[in-house]
N, C-alpha and C. Protein backbone atom coordinates (compact mmCIF):
# COMPACT_ATOMS: atom_id res chain seq x y z
N UNK A 1 -40.07 -215.26 -38.24
CA UNK A 1 -38.77 -214.96 -37.72
C UNK A 1 -38.25 -213.62 -38.36
N UNK A 2 -37.98 -212.67 -37.56
CA UNK A 2 -37.50 -211.37 -38.03
C UNK A 2 -35.97 -211.22 -37.75
N UNK A 3 -35.20 -211.25 -38.84
CA UNK A 3 -33.80 -211.10 -38.66
C UNK A 3 -33.36 -209.80 -39.27
N UNK A 4 -32.26 -209.26 -38.70
CA UNK A 4 -31.80 -208.00 -39.17
C UNK A 4 -30.79 -208.26 -40.36
N UNK A 5 -31.06 -207.59 -41.45
CA UNK A 5 -30.31 -207.87 -42.63
C UNK A 5 -28.82 -207.29 -42.51
N UNK A 6 -28.61 -206.42 -41.58
CA UNK A 6 -27.27 -205.72 -41.47
C UNK A 6 -26.33 -206.62 -40.57
N UNK A 7 -26.89 -207.60 -39.88
CA UNK A 7 -26.01 -208.42 -39.02
C UNK A 7 -25.16 -209.38 -39.85
N UNK A 8 -23.90 -209.51 -39.62
CA UNK A 8 -23.03 -210.40 -40.38
C UNK A 8 -23.44 -211.83 -40.11
N UNK A 9 -23.34 -212.63 -41.15
CA UNK A 9 -23.72 -213.96 -41.09
C UNK A 9 -22.50 -214.81 -40.62
N UNK A 10 -22.65 -215.72 -39.73
CA UNK A 10 -21.61 -216.56 -39.22
C UNK A 10 -21.69 -217.90 -39.93
N UNK A 11 -20.62 -218.37 -40.53
CA UNK A 11 -20.59 -219.56 -41.22
C UNK A 11 -19.83 -220.59 -40.44
N UNK A 12 -20.47 -221.57 -39.92
CA UNK A 12 -19.94 -222.66 -39.16
C UNK A 12 -19.54 -223.80 -40.09
N UNK A 13 -18.37 -224.34 -39.83
CA UNK A 13 -17.88 -225.39 -40.65
C UNK A 13 -17.76 -226.67 -39.86
N UNK A 14 -17.92 -227.77 -40.46
CA UNK A 14 -17.64 -229.13 -39.89
C UNK A 14 -16.11 -229.30 -39.98
N UNK A 15 -15.62 -230.38 -39.32
CA UNK A 15 -14.16 -230.63 -39.47
C UNK A 15 -13.81 -230.91 -40.90
N UNK A 16 -14.53 -231.67 -41.55
CA UNK A 16 -14.28 -231.98 -43.02
C UNK A 16 -14.21 -230.69 -43.81
N UNK A 17 -15.25 -229.82 -43.68
CA UNK A 17 -15.29 -228.52 -44.38
C UNK A 17 -14.10 -227.72 -44.02
N UNK A 18 -13.68 -227.66 -42.79
CA UNK A 18 -12.49 -226.82 -42.37
C UNK A 18 -11.27 -227.37 -42.95
N UNK A 19 -11.10 -228.70 -43.09
CA UNK A 19 -9.91 -229.26 -43.73
C UNK A 19 -9.93 -228.91 -45.19
N UNK A 20 -11.01 -228.65 -45.79
CA UNK A 20 -11.08 -228.28 -47.23
C UNK A 20 -10.78 -226.75 -47.35
N UNK A 21 -10.96 -225.94 -46.39
CA UNK A 21 -10.58 -224.56 -46.42
C UNK A 21 -9.09 -224.32 -46.36
N UNK A 22 -8.46 -225.00 -45.44
CA UNK A 22 -7.02 -224.87 -45.32
C UNK A 22 -6.35 -226.17 -45.80
N UNK A 23 -5.70 -226.10 -46.91
CA UNK A 23 -5.14 -227.20 -47.66
C UNK A 23 -4.12 -228.09 -46.81
N UNK A 24 -3.33 -227.40 -46.02
CA UNK A 24 -2.35 -228.25 -45.30
C UNK A 24 -2.86 -228.89 -44.03
N UNK A 25 -4.07 -228.64 -43.60
CA UNK A 25 -4.62 -229.20 -42.42
C UNK A 25 -5.51 -230.44 -42.74
N UNK A 26 -5.21 -231.49 -42.05
CA UNK A 26 -6.07 -232.72 -42.19
C UNK A 26 -7.11 -232.68 -41.17
N UNK A 27 -8.14 -233.51 -41.33
CA UNK A 27 -9.20 -233.63 -40.32
C UNK A 27 -8.61 -234.10 -39.02
N UNK A 28 -7.69 -235.02 -39.03
CA UNK A 28 -7.07 -235.47 -37.79
C UNK A 28 -6.39 -234.33 -37.00
N UNK A 29 -5.61 -233.45 -37.73
CA UNK A 29 -4.88 -232.40 -37.16
C UNK A 29 -5.87 -231.31 -36.51
N UNK A 30 -6.97 -231.13 -37.25
CA UNK A 30 -7.98 -230.14 -36.75
C UNK A 30 -8.56 -230.61 -35.41
N UNK A 31 -8.88 -232.01 -35.32
CA UNK A 31 -9.40 -232.51 -34.10
C UNK A 31 -8.39 -232.41 -32.94
N UNK A 32 -7.05 -232.56 -33.27
CA UNK A 32 -6.07 -232.37 -32.28
C UNK A 32 -5.97 -231.00 -31.74
N UNK A 33 -6.12 -230.04 -32.66
CA UNK A 33 -6.14 -228.62 -32.25
C UNK A 33 -7.28 -228.32 -31.45
N UNK A 34 -8.47 -228.89 -31.77
CA UNK A 34 -9.67 -228.64 -30.97
C UNK A 34 -9.44 -229.15 -29.55
N UNK A 35 -9.03 -230.41 -29.50
CA UNK A 35 -8.89 -231.10 -28.17
C UNK A 35 -7.86 -230.29 -27.30
N UNK A 36 -6.75 -229.86 -27.90
CA UNK A 36 -5.71 -229.12 -27.23
C UNK A 36 -6.13 -227.69 -26.79
N UNK A 37 -7.26 -227.17 -27.36
CA UNK A 37 -7.76 -225.84 -27.05
C UNK A 37 -6.97 -224.81 -27.85
N UNK A 38 -6.25 -225.26 -28.86
CA UNK A 38 -5.51 -224.25 -29.67
C UNK A 38 -6.37 -223.67 -30.78
N UNK A 39 -7.45 -224.33 -31.08
CA UNK A 39 -8.43 -223.94 -32.15
C UNK A 39 -9.81 -223.94 -31.51
N UNK A 40 -10.40 -222.69 -31.37
CA UNK A 40 -11.72 -222.62 -30.64
C UNK A 40 -12.80 -223.30 -31.47
N UNK A 41 -13.73 -224.00 -30.78
CA UNK A 41 -14.71 -224.74 -31.50
C UNK A 41 -15.99 -224.80 -30.68
N UNK A 42 -17.05 -225.24 -31.24
CA UNK A 42 -18.30 -225.52 -30.61
C UNK A 42 -18.69 -226.98 -30.81
N UNK A 43 -18.98 -227.64 -29.69
CA UNK A 43 -19.29 -229.13 -29.86
C UNK A 43 -20.85 -229.17 -29.65
N UNK A 44 -21.49 -229.77 -30.70
CA UNK A 44 -22.92 -229.99 -30.60
C UNK A 44 -23.06 -231.51 -30.70
N UNK A 45 -23.50 -232.10 -29.63
CA UNK A 45 -23.56 -233.59 -29.66
C UNK A 45 -22.19 -234.19 -29.79
N UNK A 46 -22.03 -234.96 -30.87
CA UNK A 46 -20.70 -235.56 -31.07
C UNK A 46 -19.92 -234.83 -32.11
N UNK A 47 -20.52 -233.70 -32.63
CA UNK A 47 -19.93 -233.04 -33.80
C UNK A 47 -19.27 -231.75 -33.34
N UNK A 48 -18.16 -231.38 -33.92
CA UNK A 48 -17.38 -230.14 -33.68
C UNK A 48 -17.69 -229.16 -34.88
N UNK A 49 -17.85 -227.87 -34.54
CA UNK A 49 -18.05 -226.84 -35.47
C UNK A 49 -17.17 -225.68 -35.18
N UNK A 50 -16.69 -224.96 -36.17
CA UNK A 50 -15.86 -223.75 -36.08
C UNK A 50 -16.26 -222.69 -37.03
N UNK A 51 -16.22 -221.55 -36.51
CA UNK A 51 -16.46 -220.36 -37.36
C UNK A 51 -15.42 -220.22 -38.40
N UNK A 52 -15.80 -220.02 -39.66
CA UNK A 52 -14.84 -220.02 -40.82
C UNK A 52 -13.82 -218.88 -40.57
N UNK A 53 -14.28 -217.71 -40.21
CA UNK A 53 -13.34 -216.59 -40.09
C UNK A 53 -12.34 -216.84 -38.93
N UNK A 54 -12.90 -217.49 -37.80
CA UNK A 54 -11.99 -217.75 -36.71
C UNK A 54 -10.97 -218.72 -37.08
N UNK A 55 -11.30 -219.77 -37.88
CA UNK A 55 -10.30 -220.75 -38.50
C UNK A 55 -9.27 -220.05 -39.18
N UNK A 56 -9.58 -219.19 -40.15
CA UNK A 56 -8.63 -218.46 -40.90
C UNK A 56 -7.72 -217.61 -40.04
N UNK A 57 -8.32 -216.83 -39.13
CA UNK A 57 -7.46 -215.93 -38.27
C UNK A 57 -6.52 -216.69 -37.37
N UNK A 58 -7.05 -217.77 -36.80
CA UNK A 58 -6.21 -218.55 -35.87
C UNK A 58 -5.06 -219.25 -36.63
N UNK A 59 -5.32 -219.85 -37.75
CA UNK A 59 -4.23 -220.51 -38.46
C UNK A 59 -3.22 -219.49 -39.00
N UNK A 60 -3.69 -218.32 -39.39
CA UNK A 60 -2.78 -217.22 -39.78
C UNK A 60 -1.86 -216.89 -38.57
N UNK A 61 -2.49 -216.72 -37.50
CA UNK A 61 -1.63 -216.35 -36.29
C UNK A 61 -0.59 -217.38 -35.94
N UNK A 62 -1.05 -218.71 -36.03
CA UNK A 62 -0.09 -219.84 -35.85
C UNK A 62 1.09 -219.78 -36.80
N UNK A 63 0.73 -219.42 -38.06
CA UNK A 63 1.76 -219.37 -39.08
C UNK A 63 2.80 -218.21 -38.75
N UNK A 64 2.27 -217.15 -38.24
CA UNK A 64 3.14 -215.98 -37.82
C UNK A 64 4.06 -216.43 -36.72
N UNK A 65 3.48 -217.15 -35.73
CA UNK A 65 4.34 -217.57 -34.59
C UNK A 65 5.46 -218.57 -35.05
N UNK A 66 5.08 -219.40 -36.01
CA UNK A 66 5.97 -220.39 -36.50
C UNK A 66 7.12 -219.72 -37.28
N UNK A 67 6.78 -218.63 -38.07
CA UNK A 67 7.74 -217.92 -38.83
C UNK A 67 8.64 -217.15 -37.84
N UNK A 68 8.11 -216.58 -36.80
CA UNK A 68 8.93 -215.86 -35.82
C UNK A 68 9.85 -216.86 -35.16
N UNK A 69 9.34 -217.98 -34.76
CA UNK A 69 10.20 -218.96 -34.08
C UNK A 69 11.39 -219.39 -34.96
N UNK A 70 11.11 -219.66 -36.16
CA UNK A 70 12.22 -220.02 -37.17
C UNK A 70 13.18 -219.01 -37.28
N UNK A 71 12.78 -217.64 -37.35
CA UNK A 71 13.67 -216.55 -37.43
C UNK A 71 14.59 -216.46 -36.23
N UNK A 72 13.92 -216.68 -35.03
CA UNK A 72 14.70 -216.58 -33.77
C UNK A 72 15.74 -217.68 -33.76
N UNK A 73 15.37 -218.83 -34.20
CA UNK A 73 16.38 -220.00 -34.28
C UNK A 73 17.54 -219.69 -35.25
N UNK A 74 17.18 -219.05 -36.39
CA UNK A 74 18.12 -218.67 -37.29
C UNK A 74 19.12 -217.63 -36.78
N UNK A 75 18.61 -216.66 -36.02
CA UNK A 75 19.45 -215.64 -35.41
C UNK A 75 20.31 -216.21 -34.27
N UNK A 76 19.73 -217.13 -33.51
CA UNK A 76 20.52 -217.90 -32.50
C UNK A 76 21.71 -218.55 -33.10
N UNK A 77 21.45 -219.25 -34.21
CA UNK A 77 22.57 -219.96 -34.87
C UNK A 77 23.62 -219.01 -35.35
N UNK A 78 23.21 -217.86 -35.82
CA UNK A 78 24.16 -216.82 -36.29
C UNK A 78 24.97 -216.29 -35.20
N UNK A 79 24.38 -216.04 -33.99
CA UNK A 79 25.02 -215.54 -32.86
C UNK A 79 26.04 -216.50 -32.30
N UNK A 80 25.67 -217.83 -32.42
CA UNK A 80 26.67 -218.84 -31.97
C UNK A 80 27.98 -218.81 -32.72
N UNK A 81 27.90 -218.39 -33.93
CA UNK A 81 29.09 -218.32 -34.83
C UNK A 81 29.88 -217.04 -34.62
N UNK A 82 29.45 -216.18 -33.79
CA UNK A 82 30.21 -214.93 -33.56
C UNK A 82 31.21 -215.22 -32.47
N UNK A 83 32.37 -214.67 -32.64
CA UNK A 83 33.49 -214.89 -31.73
C UNK A 83 33.91 -213.50 -31.19
N UNK A 84 33.96 -213.39 -29.88
CA UNK A 84 34.35 -212.17 -29.27
C UNK A 84 35.72 -212.38 -28.60
N UNK A 85 36.68 -211.55 -29.04
CA UNK A 85 37.98 -211.59 -28.44
C UNK A 85 37.96 -210.67 -27.19
N UNK A 86 38.12 -211.32 -26.02
CA UNK A 86 37.91 -210.59 -24.75
C UNK A 86 39.06 -209.52 -24.55
N UNK A 87 40.15 -209.76 -25.13
CA UNK A 87 41.31 -208.83 -24.95
C UNK A 87 41.03 -207.53 -25.70
N UNK A 88 40.66 -207.64 -26.92
CA UNK A 88 40.49 -206.42 -27.77
C UNK A 88 38.96 -205.99 -27.83
N UNK A 89 38.08 -206.86 -27.51
CA UNK A 89 36.64 -206.59 -27.60
C UNK A 89 36.21 -206.65 -29.00
N UNK A 90 37.00 -207.11 -29.93
CA UNK A 90 36.67 -207.26 -31.31
C UNK A 90 35.84 -208.49 -31.61
N UNK A 91 34.77 -208.31 -32.38
CA UNK A 91 33.81 -209.38 -32.70
C UNK A 91 34.07 -209.76 -34.11
N UNK A 92 34.23 -211.05 -34.32
CA UNK A 92 34.43 -211.66 -35.66
C UNK A 92 33.46 -212.79 -35.84
N UNK A 93 33.22 -213.01 -37.09
CA UNK A 93 32.28 -214.09 -37.57
C UNK A 93 32.96 -215.31 -37.92
N UNK A 94 32.66 -216.42 -37.37
CA UNK A 94 33.26 -217.71 -37.71
C UNK A 94 32.34 -218.42 -38.73
N UNK A 95 32.65 -218.48 -39.92
CA UNK A 95 31.77 -219.14 -40.97
C UNK A 95 31.77 -220.68 -40.63
N UNK A 96 30.62 -221.26 -41.00
CA UNK A 96 30.55 -222.74 -40.83
C UNK A 96 31.53 -223.48 -41.80
N UNK A 97 32.15 -224.48 -41.24
CA UNK A 97 33.05 -225.34 -42.05
C UNK A 97 32.36 -226.67 -42.24
N UNK A 98 32.05 -227.05 -43.42
CA UNK A 98 31.40 -228.33 -43.71
C UNK A 98 32.35 -229.43 -44.05
């Protein structure tokens, strides 16, 4: 077998190995992501495999989306506390009263 030494090697992980790479992901959650099509995988027989770099990139992208969504919700909450006086056009901030 003649392989090219310059080709990058692809490391395929099982579900258990993938759960070990990303601390906050359980094997169950990884299976859910596979079945939902949110995490690309290869199924061989009854076993799922994922490229290690793809796993890292996909989870990073999910984290960025989650951070963006949280920021948007935070800004929406801030906007809700703004008060616009229609007569003068003046915008004031209504602080939360607990």
